[in-house]
């Protein structure tokens, strides 16, 4: 199922911006990012998505429409903490040590941002999510959007 509507494009841009990393990431941050992505299963990435959603559900802007309990949040926190520790101290130990030593603590954040971006792609590639998000399309003012690309 292929979605090419403006709503899907907007959604994809928003997802990418949510996990955008610095364009100036060092080589060791990039190496750690690659290791994190290669060392996670689909189940790991979906656990990360669950954690992100669970934590975000407590934001005042969405709290009234989200239904994540404190117990569910605690479970997501525990699962993600175990994943982070495993990745940094086992699966990607060498890359983590080099990145921290040579590029500092920001390398960890940048690398997990890259992993979050991959996880968000899995979330937004789900057909049910795409169908739900495509509802935005019926409310877009297509004429106003077309004016952005019209040339004189």
N, C-alpha and C. Protein backbone atom coordinates (compact mmCIF):
# COMPACT_ATOMS: atom_id res chain seq x y z
N UNK A 1 0.85 -1.17 0.00
CA UNK A 1 0.00 0.00 0.00
C UNK A 1 0.89 1.23 0.00
N UNK A 2 0.80 2.08 -1.01
CA UNK A 2 1.66 3.24 -1.14
C UNK A 2 0.86 4.50 -0.86
N UNK A 3 1.41 5.38 -0.01
CA UNK A 3 0.75 6.62 0.33
C UNK A 3 1.61 7.76 -0.17
N UNK A 4 1.05 8.59 -1.02
CA UNK A 4 1.80 9.72 -1.55
C UNK A 4 1.05 11.02 -1.30
N UNK A 5 0.07 11.01 -0.44
CA UNK A 5 -0.71 12.21 -0.18
C UNK A 5 0.13 13.24 0.56
N UNK A 6 -0.26 14.52 0.48
CA UNK A 6 0.45 15.53 1.24
C UNK A 6 0.45 15.23 2.75
N UNK A 7 -0.60 14.60 3.24
CA UNK A 7 -0.67 14.26 4.66
C UNK A 7 0.44 13.29 5.04
N UNK A 8 0.66 12.29 4.20
CA UNK A 8 1.71 11.33 4.50
C UNK A 8 3.08 12.00 4.45
N UNK A 9 3.29 12.86 3.46
CA UNK A 9 4.57 13.57 3.36
C UNK A 9 4.80 14.44 4.58
N UNK A 10 3.77 15.13 5.01
CA UNK A 10 3.87 15.97 6.20
C UNK A 10 4.18 15.13 7.43
N UNK A 11 3.52 14.00 7.54
CA UNK A 11 3.74 13.10 8.67
C UNK A 11 5.18 12.58 8.66
N UNK A 12 5.67 12.22 7.51
CA UNK A 12 7.05 11.71 7.40
C UNK A 12 8.05 12.79 7.78
N UNK A 13 7.81 14.02 7.36
CA UNK A 13 8.69 15.13 7.72
C UNK A 13 8.67 15.36 9.22
N UNK A 14 7.48 15.34 9.82
CA UNK A 14 7.37 15.54 11.26
C UNK A 14 8.10 14.44 12.02
N UNK A 15 7.99 13.22 11.56
CA UNK A 15 8.68 12.10 12.23
C UNK A 15 10.19 12.26 12.12
N UNK A 16 10.66 12.66 10.96
CA UNK A 16 12.09 12.84 10.78
C UNK A 16 12.62 13.99 11.65
N UNK A 17 11.87 15.08 11.72
CA UNK A 17 12.29 16.21 12.55
C UNK A 17 12.32 15.86 14.03
N UNK A 18 11.42 14.98 14.44
CA UNK A 18 11.36 14.62 15.85
C UNK A 18 12.62 13.93 16.32
N UNK A 19 13.33 13.27 15.42
CA UNK A 19 14.53 12.52 15.80
C UNK A 19 15.77 13.01 15.06
N UNK A 20 15.73 14.24 14.58
CA UNK A 20 16.83 14.76 13.78
C UNK A 20 18.11 14.84 14.61
N UNK A 21 19.19 14.36 14.05
CA UNK A 21 20.48 14.46 14.69
C UNK A 21 21.29 15.56 14.03
N UNK A 22 22.32 15.96 14.70
CA UNK A 22 23.20 16.98 14.16
C UNK A 22 23.83 16.50 12.86
N UNK A 23 23.90 17.38 11.90
CA UNK A 23 24.53 17.04 10.63
C UNK A 23 26.04 16.90 10.79
N UNK A 24 26.57 17.32 11.92
CA UNK A 24 28.01 17.31 12.15
C UNK A 24 28.41 16.21 13.12
N UNK A 25 27.69 15.12 13.12
CA UNK A 25 28.04 14.00 14.00
C UNK A 25 29.41 13.48 13.61
N UNK A 26 30.19 13.15 14.62
CA UNK A 26 31.53 12.64 14.38
C UNK A 26 31.49 11.20 13.90
N UNK A 27 32.64 10.74 13.45
CA UNK A 27 32.75 9.40 12.91
C UNK A 27 32.41 8.35 13.97
N UNK A 28 32.77 8.58 15.22
CA UNK A 28 32.50 7.60 16.26
C UNK A 28 31.02 7.59 16.66
N UNK A 29 30.39 8.76 16.60
CA UNK A 29 28.94 8.82 16.82
C UNK A 29 28.23 8.07 15.70
N UNK A 30 28.68 8.26 14.48
CA UNK A 30 28.08 7.54 13.35
C UNK A 30 28.29 6.03 13.50
N UNK A 31 29.48 5.63 13.92
CA UNK A 31 29.74 4.20 14.13
C UNK A 31 28.83 3.63 15.21
N UNK A 32 28.66 4.38 16.29
CA UNK A 32 27.77 3.92 17.36
C UNK A 32 26.33 3.86 16.87
N UNK A 33 25.92 4.84 16.11
CA UNK A 33 24.56 4.84 15.55
C UNK A 33 24.32 3.60 14.71
N UNK A 34 25.27 3.30 13.84
CA UNK A 34 25.14 2.12 12.98
C UNK A 34 25.06 0.84 13.82
N UNK A 35 25.89 0.78 14.85
CA UNK A 35 25.88 -0.41 15.71
C UNK A 35 24.54 -0.55 16.43
N UNK A 36 24.02 0.56 16.95
CA UNK A 36 22.74 0.50 17.66
C UNK A 36 21.64 -0.02 16.75
N UNK A 37 21.61 0.49 15.54
CA UNK A 37 20.56 0.08 14.59
C UNK A 37 20.73 -1.39 14.24
N UNK A 38 21.97 -1.81 13.95
CA UNK A 38 22.21 -3.21 13.57
C UNK A 38 21.97 -4.17 14.73
N UNK A 39 22.13 -3.69 15.95
CA UNK A 39 22.03 -4.56 17.12
C UNK A 39 20.64 -4.65 17.71
N UNK A 40 19.68 -3.97 17.10
CA UNK A 40 18.31 -4.03 17.61
C UNK A 40 17.43 -4.83 16.65
N UNK A 41 16.56 -5.57 17.25
CA UNK A 41 15.57 -6.32 16.48
C UNK A 41 14.35 -5.43 16.24
N UNK A 42 13.46 -5.90 15.42
CA UNK A 42 12.19 -5.17 15.22
C UNK A 42 11.47 -5.03 16.56
N UNK A 43 11.50 -6.09 17.35
CA UNK A 43 10.85 -6.06 18.67
C UNK A 43 11.50 -5.00 19.57
N UNK A 44 12.81 -4.88 19.52
CA UNK A 44 13.51 -3.84 20.29
C UNK A 44 13.06 -2.45 19.86
N UNK A 45 12.99 -2.25 18.55
CA UNK A 45 12.60 -0.92 18.04
C UNK A 45 11.15 -0.60 18.38
N UNK A 46 10.29 -1.61 18.36
CA UNK A 46 8.90 -1.38 18.74
C UNK A 46 8.79 -1.10 20.24
N UNK A 47 9.65 -1.71 21.05
CA UNK A 47 9.68 -1.40 22.49
C UNK A 47 10.09 0.05 22.69
N UNK A 48 11.03 0.52 21.87
CA UNK A 48 11.45 1.92 21.94
C UNK A 48 10.30 2.85 21.56
N UNK A 49 9.57 2.49 20.52
CA UNK A 49 8.41 3.29 20.11
C UNK A 49 7.38 3.32 21.24
N UNK A 50 7.15 2.18 21.87
CA UNK A 50 6.20 2.10 22.98
C UNK A 50 6.63 3.02 24.12
N UNK A 51 7.92 3.03 24.41
CA UNK A 51 8.44 3.90 25.47
C UNK A 51 8.24 5.37 25.10
N UNK A 52 8.57 5.73 23.88
CA UNK A 52 8.42 7.13 23.44
C UNK A 52 6.95 7.56 23.53
N UNK A 53 6.07 6.70 23.05
CA UNK A 53 4.64 7.02 23.10
C UNK A 53 4.16 7.12 24.56
N UNK A 54 4.58 6.17 25.37
CA UNK A 54 4.14 6.15 26.78
C UNK A 54 4.58 7.42 27.49
N UNK A 55 5.83 7.81 27.30
CA UNK A 55 6.33 9.03 27.94
C UNK A 55 5.63 10.27 27.40
N UNK A 56 5.47 10.33 26.08
CA UNK A 56 4.83 11.50 25.46
C UNK A 56 3.36 11.62 25.85
N UNK A 57 2.73 10.52 26.20
CA UNK A 57 1.30 10.56 26.53
C UNK A 57 1.02 11.38 27.79
N UNK A 58 2.04 11.70 28.55
CA UNK A 58 1.85 12.50 29.75
C UNK A 58 2.02 14.00 29.50
N UNK A 59 2.30 14.37 28.26
CA UNK A 59 2.40 15.79 27.92
C UNK A 59 1.00 16.40 27.99
N UNK A 60 0.89 17.61 28.53
CA UNK A 60 -0.43 18.24 28.67
C UNK A 60 -1.23 18.34 27.37
N UNK A 61 -0.54 18.43 26.24
CA UNK A 61 -1.24 18.58 24.96
C UNK A 61 -1.99 17.31 24.55
N UNK A 62 -1.57 16.15 25.05
CA UNK A 62 -2.21 14.90 24.64
C UNK A 62 -2.70 14.06 25.81
N UNK A 63 -2.44 14.50 27.00
CA UNK A 63 -2.79 13.70 28.18
C UNK A 63 -4.28 13.34 28.22
N UNK A 64 -5.12 14.25 27.78
CA UNK A 64 -6.56 14.00 27.85
C UNK A 64 -7.05 12.99 26.81
N UNK A 65 -6.25 12.72 25.79
CA UNK A 65 -6.68 11.76 24.76
C UNK A 65 -5.84 10.48 24.77
N UNK A 66 -4.86 10.40 25.65
CA UNK A 66 -4.03 9.20 25.76
C UNK A 66 -4.46 8.41 26.98
N UNK A 67 -4.26 7.12 26.93
CA UNK A 67 -4.68 6.30 28.07
C UNK A 67 -3.56 5.35 28.49
N UNK A 68 -2.43 5.91 28.85
CA UNK A 68 -1.30 5.11 29.33
C UNK A 68 -1.27 5.24 30.85
N UNK A 69 -1.33 4.12 31.52
CA UNK A 69 -1.31 4.15 32.98
C UNK A 69 0.12 4.31 33.49
N UNK A 70 0.26 4.66 34.73
CA UNK A 70 1.59 4.76 35.34
C UNK A 70 2.30 3.41 35.32
N UNK A 71 1.55 2.32 35.50
CA UNK A 71 2.15 0.98 35.44
C UNK A 71 2.66 0.66 34.04
N UNK A 72 1.90 1.05 33.02
CA UNK A 72 2.35 0.82 31.65
C UNK A 72 3.59 1.66 31.35
N UNK A 73 3.61 2.89 31.83
CA UNK A 73 4.78 3.74 31.66
C UNK A 73 5.98 3.13 32.36
N UNK A 74 5.78 2.63 33.57
CA UNK A 74 6.88 2.01 34.31
C UNK A 74 7.43 0.80 33.57
N UNK A 75 6.56 -0.01 33.00
CA UNK A 75 6.99 -1.17 32.22
C UNK A 75 7.79 -0.73 31.00
N UNK A 76 7.31 0.28 30.31
CA UNK A 76 8.02 0.79 29.14
C UNK A 76 9.37 1.37 29.54
N UNK A 77 9.42 2.08 30.67
CA UNK A 77 10.69 2.62 31.17
C UNK A 77 11.68 1.50 31.47
N UNK A 78 11.21 0.46 32.15
CA UNK A 78 12.07 -0.67 32.52
C UNK A 78 12.61 -1.36 31.27
N UNK A 79 11.72 -1.67 30.33
CA UNK A 79 12.12 -2.36 29.11
C UNK A 79 13.13 -1.55 28.30
N UNK A 80 12.90 -0.26 28.20
CA UNK A 80 13.82 0.58 27.43
C UNK A 80 15.15 0.76 28.15
N UNK A 81 15.11 0.89 29.46
CA UNK A 81 16.36 0.99 30.21
C UNK A 81 17.21 -0.26 30.02
N UNK A 82 16.59 -1.41 30.07
CA UNK A 82 17.31 -2.66 29.84
C UNK A 82 17.89 -2.70 28.43
N UNK A 83 17.13 -2.23 27.45
CA UNK A 83 17.61 -2.18 26.07
C UNK A 83 18.80 -1.24 25.96
N UNK A 84 18.70 -0.03 26.53
CA UNK A 84 19.79 0.95 26.45
C UNK A 84 21.06 0.40 27.08
N UNK A 85 20.93 -0.19 28.25
CA UNK A 85 22.11 -0.73 28.95
C UNK A 85 22.73 -1.87 28.14
N UNK A 86 21.90 -2.78 27.62
CA UNK A 86 22.42 -3.89 26.82
C UNK A 86 23.17 -3.37 25.60
N UNK A 87 22.57 -2.40 24.92
CA UNK A 87 23.20 -1.88 23.71
C UNK A 87 24.53 -1.21 24.02
N UNK A 88 24.56 -0.37 25.07
CA UNK A 88 25.77 0.39 25.37
C UNK A 88 26.87 -0.44 26.01
N UNK A 89 26.51 -1.44 26.80
CA UNK A 89 27.53 -2.17 27.56
C UNK A 89 27.85 -3.55 27.01
N UNK A 90 27.04 -4.04 26.07
CA UNK A 90 27.28 -5.35 25.49
C UNK A 90 27.38 -5.27 23.97
N UNK A 91 26.27 -5.05 23.32
CA UNK A 91 26.21 -5.10 21.85
C UNK A 91 27.14 -4.09 21.17
N UNK A 92 27.22 -2.90 21.72
CA UNK A 92 28.00 -1.82 21.10
C UNK A 92 29.00 -1.23 22.09
N UNK A 93 29.55 -2.06 22.91
CA UNK A 93 30.45 -1.61 23.98
C UNK A 93 31.66 -0.85 23.42
N UNK A 94 32.35 -1.42 22.44
CA UNK A 94 33.53 -0.76 21.88
C UNK A 94 33.18 0.59 21.25
N UNK A 95 32.11 0.60 20.48
CA UNK A 95 31.68 1.84 19.82
C UNK A 95 31.27 2.88 20.85
N UNK A 96 30.60 2.44 21.93
CA UNK A 96 30.16 3.36 22.99
C UNK A 96 31.36 3.98 23.68
N UNK A 97 32.34 3.16 24.01
CA UNK A 97 33.53 3.65 24.71
C UNK A 97 34.29 4.66 23.85
N UNK A 98 34.50 4.34 22.57
CA UNK A 98 35.22 5.25 21.67
C UNK A 98 34.45 6.56 21.49
N UNK A 99 33.15 6.46 21.27
CA UNK A 99 32.35 7.67 21.06
C UNK A 99 32.37 8.56 22.29
N UNK A 100 32.21 7.98 23.46
CA UNK A 100 32.25 8.77 24.70
C UNK A 100 33.61 9.41 24.91
N UNK A 101 34.66 8.64 24.72
CA UNK A 101 36.01 9.14 24.95
C UNK A 101 36.39 10.24 23.97
N UNK A 102 36.07 10.04 22.70
CA UNK A 102 36.55 10.95 21.67
C UNK A 102 35.56 12.04 21.25
N UNK A 103 34.27 11.83 21.53
CA UNK A 103 33.27 12.81 21.09
C UNK A 103 32.31 13.25 22.19
N UNK A 104 32.46 12.71 23.38
CA UNK A 104 31.70 13.17 24.52
C UNK A 104 30.30 12.59 24.62
N UNK A 105 29.60 13.06 25.65
CA UNK A 105 28.26 12.53 25.96
C UNK A 105 27.23 12.81 24.87
N UNK A 106 27.43 13.86 24.10
CA UNK A 106 26.50 14.16 23.01
C UNK A 106 26.46 13.03 21.98
N UNK A 107 27.53 12.25 21.91
CA UNK A 107 27.56 11.14 20.96
C UNK A 107 26.51 10.09 21.30
N UNK A 108 26.26 9.89 22.58
CA UNK A 108 25.25 8.91 23.00
C UNK A 108 23.86 9.41 22.59
N UNK A 109 23.59 10.67 22.88
CA UNK A 109 22.29 11.24 22.51
C UNK A 109 22.10 11.20 21.00
N UNK A 110 23.12 11.59 20.26
CA UNK A 110 23.01 11.59 18.80
C UNK A 110 22.77 10.20 18.25
N UNK A 111 23.45 9.22 18.84
CA UNK A 111 23.30 7.84 18.37
C UNK A 111 21.91 7.30 18.66
N UNK A 112 21.38 7.60 19.84
CA UNK A 112 20.04 7.13 20.16
C UNK A 112 18.98 7.90 19.38
N UNK A 113 19.28 9.14 19.00
CA UNK A 113 18.37 9.86 18.11
C UNK A 113 18.26 9.13 16.78
N UNK A 114 19.40 8.64 16.28
CA UNK A 114 19.40 7.90 15.03
C UNK A 114 18.58 6.61 15.17
N UNK A 115 18.75 5.92 16.29
CA UNK A 115 17.96 4.71 16.53
C UNK A 115 16.47 5.06 16.63
N UNK A 116 16.16 6.16 17.29
CA UNK A 116 14.76 6.60 17.39
C UNK A 116 14.16 6.91 16.04
N UNK A 117 14.98 7.46 15.14
CA UNK A 117 14.50 7.74 13.79
C UNK A 117 14.14 6.45 13.06
N UNK A 118 14.99 5.44 13.20
CA UNK A 118 14.70 4.14 12.58
C UNK A 118 13.43 3.53 13.18
N UNK A 119 13.30 3.63 14.50
CA UNK A 119 12.11 3.10 15.17
C UNK A 119 10.86 3.84 14.71
N UNK A 120 10.96 5.16 14.55
CA UNK A 120 9.79 5.92 14.11
C UNK A 120 9.39 5.56 12.69
N UNK A 121 10.36 5.19 11.86
CA UNK A 121 10.03 4.76 10.50
C UNK A 121 9.20 3.48 10.54
N UNK A 122 9.53 2.59 11.47
CA UNK A 122 8.73 1.37 11.62
C UNK A 122 7.32 1.71 12.06
N UNK A 123 7.21 2.65 12.98
CA UNK A 123 5.89 3.08 13.46
C UNK A 123 5.07 3.65 12.31
N UNK A 124 5.66 4.57 11.56
CA UNK A 124 4.92 5.26 10.52
C UNK A 124 4.79 4.45 9.23
N UNK A 125 5.40 3.28 9.16
CA UNK A 125 5.21 2.42 8.00
C UNK A 125 4.10 1.39 8.22
N UNK A 126 3.57 1.33 9.43
CA UNK A 126 2.48 0.41 9.73
C UNK A 126 1.22 0.87 8.98
N UNK A 127 0.55 -0.06 8.33
CA UNK A 127 -0.61 0.29 7.51
C UNK A 127 -1.74 0.93 8.32
N UNK A 128 -1.95 0.50 9.55
CA UNK A 128 -3.01 1.10 10.38
C UNK A 128 -2.67 2.55 10.74
N UNK A 129 -1.39 2.79 11.03
CA UNK A 129 -0.95 4.16 11.36
C UNK A 129 -1.08 5.04 10.12
N UNK A 130 -0.66 4.52 8.98
CA UNK A 130 -0.77 5.30 7.74
C UNK A 130 -2.22 5.62 7.40
N UNK A 131 -3.09 4.67 7.60
CA UNK A 131 -4.51 4.90 7.33
C UNK A 131 -5.06 5.97 8.26
N UNK A 132 -4.72 5.88 9.54
CA UNK A 132 -5.20 6.87 10.50
C UNK A 132 -4.66 8.26 10.17
N UNK A 133 -3.37 8.32 9.84
CA UNK A 133 -2.75 9.61 9.55
C UNK A 133 -3.23 10.21 8.23
N UNK A 134 -3.64 9.37 7.30
CA UNK A 134 -4.09 9.89 6.01
C UNK A 134 -5.38 10.68 6.13
N UNK A 135 -6.05 10.60 7.27
CA UNK A 135 -7.25 11.42 7.50
C UNK A 135 -6.95 12.90 7.49
N UNK A 136 -5.70 13.27 7.72
CA UNK A 136 -5.29 14.67 7.67
C UNK A 136 -5.52 15.26 6.28
N UNK A 137 -5.39 14.42 5.27
CA UNK A 137 -5.48 14.86 3.89
C UNK A 137 -6.79 15.57 3.57
N UNK A 138 -7.89 15.12 4.14
CA UNK A 138 -9.18 15.73 3.80
C UNK A 138 -9.33 17.14 4.35
N UNK A 139 -8.46 17.54 5.27
CA UNK A 139 -8.54 18.88 5.85
C UNK A 139 -7.48 19.84 5.32
N UNK A 140 -6.57 19.33 4.51
CA UNK A 140 -5.53 20.20 3.97
C UNK A 140 -6.10 21.12 2.90
N UNK A 141 -5.71 22.37 2.92
CA UNK A 141 -6.11 23.33 1.89
C UNK A 141 -5.11 23.17 0.74
N UNK A 142 -5.48 22.34 -0.21
CA UNK A 142 -4.58 21.97 -1.29
C UNK A 142 -4.23 23.15 -2.19
N UNK A 143 -5.15 24.07 -2.35
CA UNK A 143 -4.87 25.25 -3.17
C UNK A 143 -3.77 26.10 -2.54
N UNK A 144 -3.84 26.29 -1.24
CA UNK A 144 -2.81 27.08 -0.56
C UNK A 144 -1.46 26.37 -0.61
N UNK A 145 -1.48 25.05 -0.49
CA UNK A 145 -0.22 24.29 -0.58
C UNK A 145 0.36 24.33 -1.98
N UNK A 146 -0.51 24.27 -3.00
CA UNK A 146 -0.03 24.35 -4.39
C UNK A 146 0.65 25.69 -4.65
N UNK A 147 0.18 26.74 -3.98
CA UNK A 147 0.77 28.07 -4.21
C UNK A 147 2.24 28.12 -3.80
N UNK A 148 2.66 27.18 -2.98
CA UNK A 148 4.07 27.15 -2.56
C UNK A 148 5.00 26.75 -3.69
N UNK A 149 4.50 25.96 -4.63
CA UNK A 149 5.36 25.45 -5.70
C UNK A 149 5.10 26.12 -7.05
N UNK A 150 4.14 27.01 -7.09
CA UNK A 150 3.85 27.70 -8.36
C UNK A 150 4.92 28.77 -8.59
N UNK A 151 5.41 28.81 -9.81
CA UNK A 151 6.39 29.82 -10.18
C UNK A 151 5.76 30.82 -11.13
N UNK A 152 6.35 31.96 -11.18
CA UNK A 152 5.80 33.02 -12.06
C UNK A 152 6.21 32.81 -13.48
